[in-house]
Amino acid sequence: VSQSRYPITYMARNIPKNEAQRLKEKAKPSTNKKPLFPRVEFSETTSQNMVFITGLLLMLLGIFMFFAFFSHLFTGKEDQSELNAPLATIEETGRKTKNIFGFFGAKLADLFILRFFGISAFVIPPLTFLIGLKIAFKRELYALERVTWQGLFYLFWGSLFMGFWIRLFRASDAWGNLSGGFGYYSNDYLFNWLGGFSIFLILFILVVFICLYYGTDSFH
């Protein structure tokens, strides 16, 4: 009677312990789900190769930028009208640009020279090349950290200094490439506050940098 009234309890009591444990684990939902994307593991050799390739790309980018910037000094005016042409495709613009490196060379030079830093943008290519050299070959032609900080300072300060004269003589149309947008508009703001006296502030910034970075012995 007890077996018919309590069949489940009776069967559970008569199942061996190991078998009951196995059935319980089988009833649990599986947690070993396959990942959505396969896990990719790189060996040490592969990682070193990727670092080397990255360094080479930066070196090539530095060379590309230097010649694109240099070409922009002679072809920038003509290329600017093509880059700003409405509804023009990259292929059409590339055929008309005069930059030695075509559309991308003209666009890169227009961005860094005309829009941003002017002639001071020539600091960027050698810095990019030196960083790539350090990454690829673990070599430094110069102390990279020191050169980088100096380069960044002169990048901004040079644009600011040239922007003063462009703003003073209202020569942005003819000589805008010398200061870039950063230098010109920064001086436009400074002129509203200080007028022509802003050149002394710009020179003071240079003196402070020289004192802090090179030391006061630089003036002797």
Protein backbone atom coordinates (compact mmCIF):
# COMPACT_ATOMS: atom_id res chain seq x y z
CA VAL A 1 0.00 0.00 0.00
CA SER A 2 2.79 2.35 0.90
CA GLN A 3 4.40 1.79 -2.48
CA SER A 4 1.23 2.71 -4.40
CA ARG A 5 0.48 5.76 -2.25
CA TYR A 6 3.98 7.16 -2.30
CA PRO A 7 5.57 5.90 -5.51
CA ILE A 8 7.95 8.85 -6.03
CA THR A 9 9.31 8.74 -2.49
CA TYR A 10 9.75 5.01 -2.68
CA MET A 11 11.60 5.18 -5.99
CA ALA A 12 13.83 8.03 -4.78
CA ARG A 13 14.78 6.03 -1.69
CA ASN A 14 15.71 3.00 -3.79
CA ILE A 15 17.88 4.87 -6.40
CA PRO A 16 21.58 4.55 -5.57
CA LYS A 17 23.23 7.70 -4.30
CA ASN A 18 25.69 8.03 -7.20
CA GLU A 19 22.94 7.53 -9.75
CA ALA A 20 20.72 10.11 -8.07
CA GLN A 21 23.57 12.64 -8.11
CA ARG A 22 24.17 11.96 -11.80
CA LEU A 23 20.52 12.48 -12.65
CA LYS A 24 20.42 15.71 -10.65
CA GLU A 25 23.47 17.11 -12.49
CA LYS A 26 21.99 16.04 -15.81
CA ALA A 27 18.78 17.93 -15.03
CA LYS A 28 20.71 21.19 -14.40
CA PRO A 29 20.89 23.60 -17.34
CA SER A 30 24.27 23.61 -19.03
CA THR A 31 26.43 26.64 -18.23
CA ASN A 32 29.19 25.84 -20.72
CA LYS A 33 27.83 27.96 -23.54
CA LYS A 34 30.02 28.69 -26.52
CA PRO A 35 31.04 32.38 -26.82
CA LEU A 36 29.43 34.43 -29.54
CA PHE A 37 32.82 35.30 -31.02
CA PRO A 38 35.77 32.90 -30.95
CA ARG A 39 38.57 33.92 -28.63
CA VAL A 40 41.70 34.90 -30.52
CA GLU A 41 45.02 34.50 -28.75
CA PHE A 42 48.21 36.02 -30.12
CA SER A 43 51.54 34.45 -29.52
CA GLU A 44 54.49 36.53 -28.39
CA THR A 45 55.97 36.43 -31.88
CA THR A 46 52.70 37.64 -33.45
CA SER A 47 52.48 40.51 -30.96
CA GLN A 48 56.04 41.58 -31.76
CA ASN A 49 55.26 41.50 -35.47
CA MET A 50 52.17 43.68 -34.94
CA VAL A 51 54.25 46.20 -32.98
CA PHE A 52 56.87 46.23 -35.74
CA ILE A 53 54.23 46.78 -38.43
CA THR A 54 52.66 49.62 -36.42
CA GLY A 55 56.04 51.31 -36.15
CA LEU A 56 56.65 51.01 -39.89
CA LEU A 57 53.21 52.48 -40.63
CA LEU A 58 53.98 55.49 -38.45
CA MET A 59 57.30 56.00 -40.20
CA LEU A 60 55.60 55.87 -43.60
CA LEU A 61 52.91 58.26 -42.36
CA GLY A 62 55.60 60.72 -41.26
CA ILE A 63 57.23 60.62 -44.71
CA PHE A 64 53.82 60.92 -46.40
CA MET A 65 52.90 63.95 -44.30
CA PHE A 66 56.21 65.74 -44.88
CA PHE A 67 56.00 65.62 -48.67
CA ALA A 68 52.26 66.34 -48.65
CA PHE A 69 52.86 69.42 -46.48
CA PHE A 70 55.78 70.56 -48.64
CA SER A 71 53.70 70.19 -51.79
CA HIS A 72 50.89 72.16 -50.14
CA LEU A 73 53.13 75.24 -49.96
CA PHE A 74 53.02 75.45 -53.76
CA THR A 75 49.66 73.92 -54.59
CA GLY A 76 47.53 74.75 -51.54
CA LYS A 77 45.62 77.61 -53.13
CA GLU A 78 44.55 75.58 -56.15
CA ASP A 79 43.77 72.47 -54.12
CA GLN A 80 41.64 74.35 -51.62
CA SER A 81 39.09 75.33 -54.26
CA GLU A 82 38.87 71.69 -55.36
CA LEU A 83 38.53 70.35 -51.82
CA ASN A 84 35.71 72.78 -51.08
CA ALA A 85 33.83 72.06 -54.30
CA PRO A 86 30.26 70.95 -53.51
CA LEU A 87 28.99 67.55 -54.67
CA ALA A 88 32.42 66.52 -55.94
CA THR A 89 33.43 62.90 -55.43
CA ILE A 90 36.82 61.86 -54.09
CA GLU A 91 37.74 60.47 -57.50
CA GLU A 92 36.90 63.72 -59.28
CA THR A 93 38.71 65.82 -56.68
CA GLY A 94 41.74 63.53 -56.79
CA ARG A 95 42.12 64.04 -60.54
CA LYS A 96 42.11 67.83 -60.15
CA THR A 97 44.29 68.28 -57.09
CA LYS A 98 47.92 69.28 -57.65
CA ASN A 99 49.33 67.86 -54.43
CA ILE A 100 52.01 65.25 -55.02
CA PHE A 101 49.99 62.72 -53.01
CA GLY A 102 46.63 63.46 -54.56
CA PHE A 103 43.39 63.90 -52.66
CA PHE A 104 44.52 62.48 -49.32
CA GLY A 105 47.77 64.45 -49.37
CA ALA A 106 45.89 67.65 -50.17
CA LYS A 107 43.24 66.96 -47.51
CA LEU A 108 45.80 66.17 -44.81
CA ALA A 109 47.87 69.25 -45.58
CA ASP A 110 44.78 71.46 -45.72
CA LEU A 111 43.69 70.15 -42.33
CA PHE A 112 46.95 70.56 -40.45
CA ILE A 113 48.40 73.63 -42.17
CA LEU A 114 45.45 75.80 -43.16
CA ARG A 115 42.87 74.74 -40.57
CA PHE A 116 45.08 74.13 -37.53
CA PHE A 117 48.74 75.08 -37.10
CA GLY A 118 50.07 76.77 -40.22
CA ILE A 119 53.76 76.38 -41.04
CA SER A 120 54.36 74.96 -37.54
CA ALA A 121 52.63 71.76 -38.68
CA PHE A 122 55.99 70.73 -40.15
CA VAL A 123 56.86 69.67 -36.61
CA ILE A 124 54.39 66.76 -36.85
CA PRO A 125 55.99 64.62 -39.61
CA PRO A 126 59.42 64.19 -37.94
CA LEU A 127 57.78 63.50 -34.59
CA THR A 128 55.58 60.82 -36.17
CA PHE A 129 58.62 59.30 -37.90
CA LEU A 130 60.69 59.22 -34.69
CA ILE A 131 57.84 57.61 -32.74
CA GLY A 132 57.52 54.95 -35.43
CA LEU A 133 61.29 54.36 -35.37
CA LYS A 134 61.19 53.89 -31.63
CA ILE A 135 58.30 51.41 -31.84
CA ALA A 136 59.64 49.38 -34.78
CA PHE A 137 63.37 49.25 -34.10
CA LYS A 138 63.64 50.27 -30.42
CA ARG A 139 66.04 53.03 -31.44
CA GLU A 140 66.09 56.74 -30.68
CA LEU A 141 67.96 59.21 -32.86
CA TYR A 142 67.17 61.78 -30.16
CA ALA A 143 65.69 61.53 -26.68
CA LEU A 144 62.11 60.94 -27.82
CA GLU A 145 60.33 62.26 -24.72
CA ARG A 146 62.35 65.48 -24.73
CA VAL A 147 61.90 66.02 -28.47
CA THR A 148 58.16 65.34 -28.23
CA TRP A 149 57.56 67.95 -25.53
CA GLN A 150 59.61 70.53 -27.40
CA GLY A 151 57.83 69.74 -30.65
CA LEU A 152 54.37 70.10 -29.11
CA PHE A 153 55.28 73.44 -27.57
CA TYR A 154 56.68 74.90 -30.78
CA LEU A 155 53.74 73.51 -32.72
CA PHE A 156 51.29 75.67 -30.76
CA TRP A 157 53.59 78.60 -30.01
CA GLY A 158 54.77 78.96 -33.61
CA SER A 159 51.18 79.08 -34.82
CA LEU A 160 50.37 81.66 -32.15
CA PHE A 161 53.39 83.82 -33.03
CA MET A 162 52.68 83.83 -36.76
CA GLY A 163 49.01 84.42 -36.10
CA PHE A 164 49.84 87.72 -34.39
CA TRP A 165 51.37 89.19 -37.55
CA ILE A 166 48.66 87.80 -39.82
CA ARG A 167 46.01 89.33 -37.56
CA LEU A 168 47.92 92.61 -37.22
CA PHE A 169 48.19 93.18 -40.97
CA ARG A 170 44.85 91.54 -41.84
CA ALA A 171 46.62 89.19 -44.23
CA SER A 172 44.73 85.96 -43.61
CA ASP A 173 43.71 85.58 -47.26
CA ALA A 174 47.26 85.89 -48.56
CA TRP A 175 49.30 84.39 -45.71
CA GLY A 176 46.82 82.24 -43.78
CA ASN A 177 49.03 79.18 -44.33
CA LEU A 178 51.66 80.65 -42.02
CA SER A 179 49.53 80.69 -38.89
CA GLY A 180 46.65 78.31 -39.53
CA GLY A 181 43.25 78.66 -37.95
CA PHE A 182 44.51 78.12 -34.41
CA GLY A 183 47.03 80.97 -34.56
CA TYR A 184 44.76 83.43 -36.30
CA TYR A 185 41.63 82.96 -34.20
CA SER A 186 43.60 82.83 -30.95
CA ASN A 187 45.13 86.21 -31.79
CA ASP A 188 41.78 87.53 -32.86
CA TYR A 189 40.61 86.76 -29.33
CA LEU A 190 43.75 88.24 -27.74
CA PHE A 191 43.43 91.43 -29.79
CA ASN A 192 40.00 92.03 -28.31
CA TRP A 193 41.55 92.04 -24.83
CA LEU A 194 45.10 93.33 -25.26
CA GLY A 195 45.40 94.74 -28.75
CA GLY A 196 48.99 94.90 -30.01
CA PHE A 197 50.33 94.24 -26.51
CA SER A 198 49.48 90.56 -27.00
CA ILE A 199 52.85 90.05 -28.75
CA PHE A 200 54.56 90.62 -25.39
CA LEU A 201 52.38 87.92 -23.83
CA ILE A 202 53.33 85.51 -26.63
CA LEU A 203 57.03 86.28 -26.17
CA PHE A 204 56.67 85.93 -22.40
CA ILE A 205 55.28 82.41 -22.88
CA LEU A 206 58.39 81.56 -24.92
CA VAL A 207 60.72 82.93 -22.22
CA VAL A 208 58.92 80.95 -19.51
CA PHE A 209 59.24 77.74 -21.54
CA ILE A 210 62.95 78.32 -22.15
CA CYS A 211 63.59 79.00 -18.45
CA LEU A 212 61.68 75.92 -17.30
CA TYR A 213 62.85 73.54 -19.98
CA TYR A 214 66.39 74.63 -20.88
CA GLY A 215 67.32 76.61 -17.79
CA THR A 216 68.33 80.25 -17.41
CA ASP A 217 71.82 79.47 -18.71
CA SER A 218 70.31 79.50 -22.18
CA PHE A 219 70.25 83.31 -22.05
CA HIS A 220 73.97 83.63 -21.36
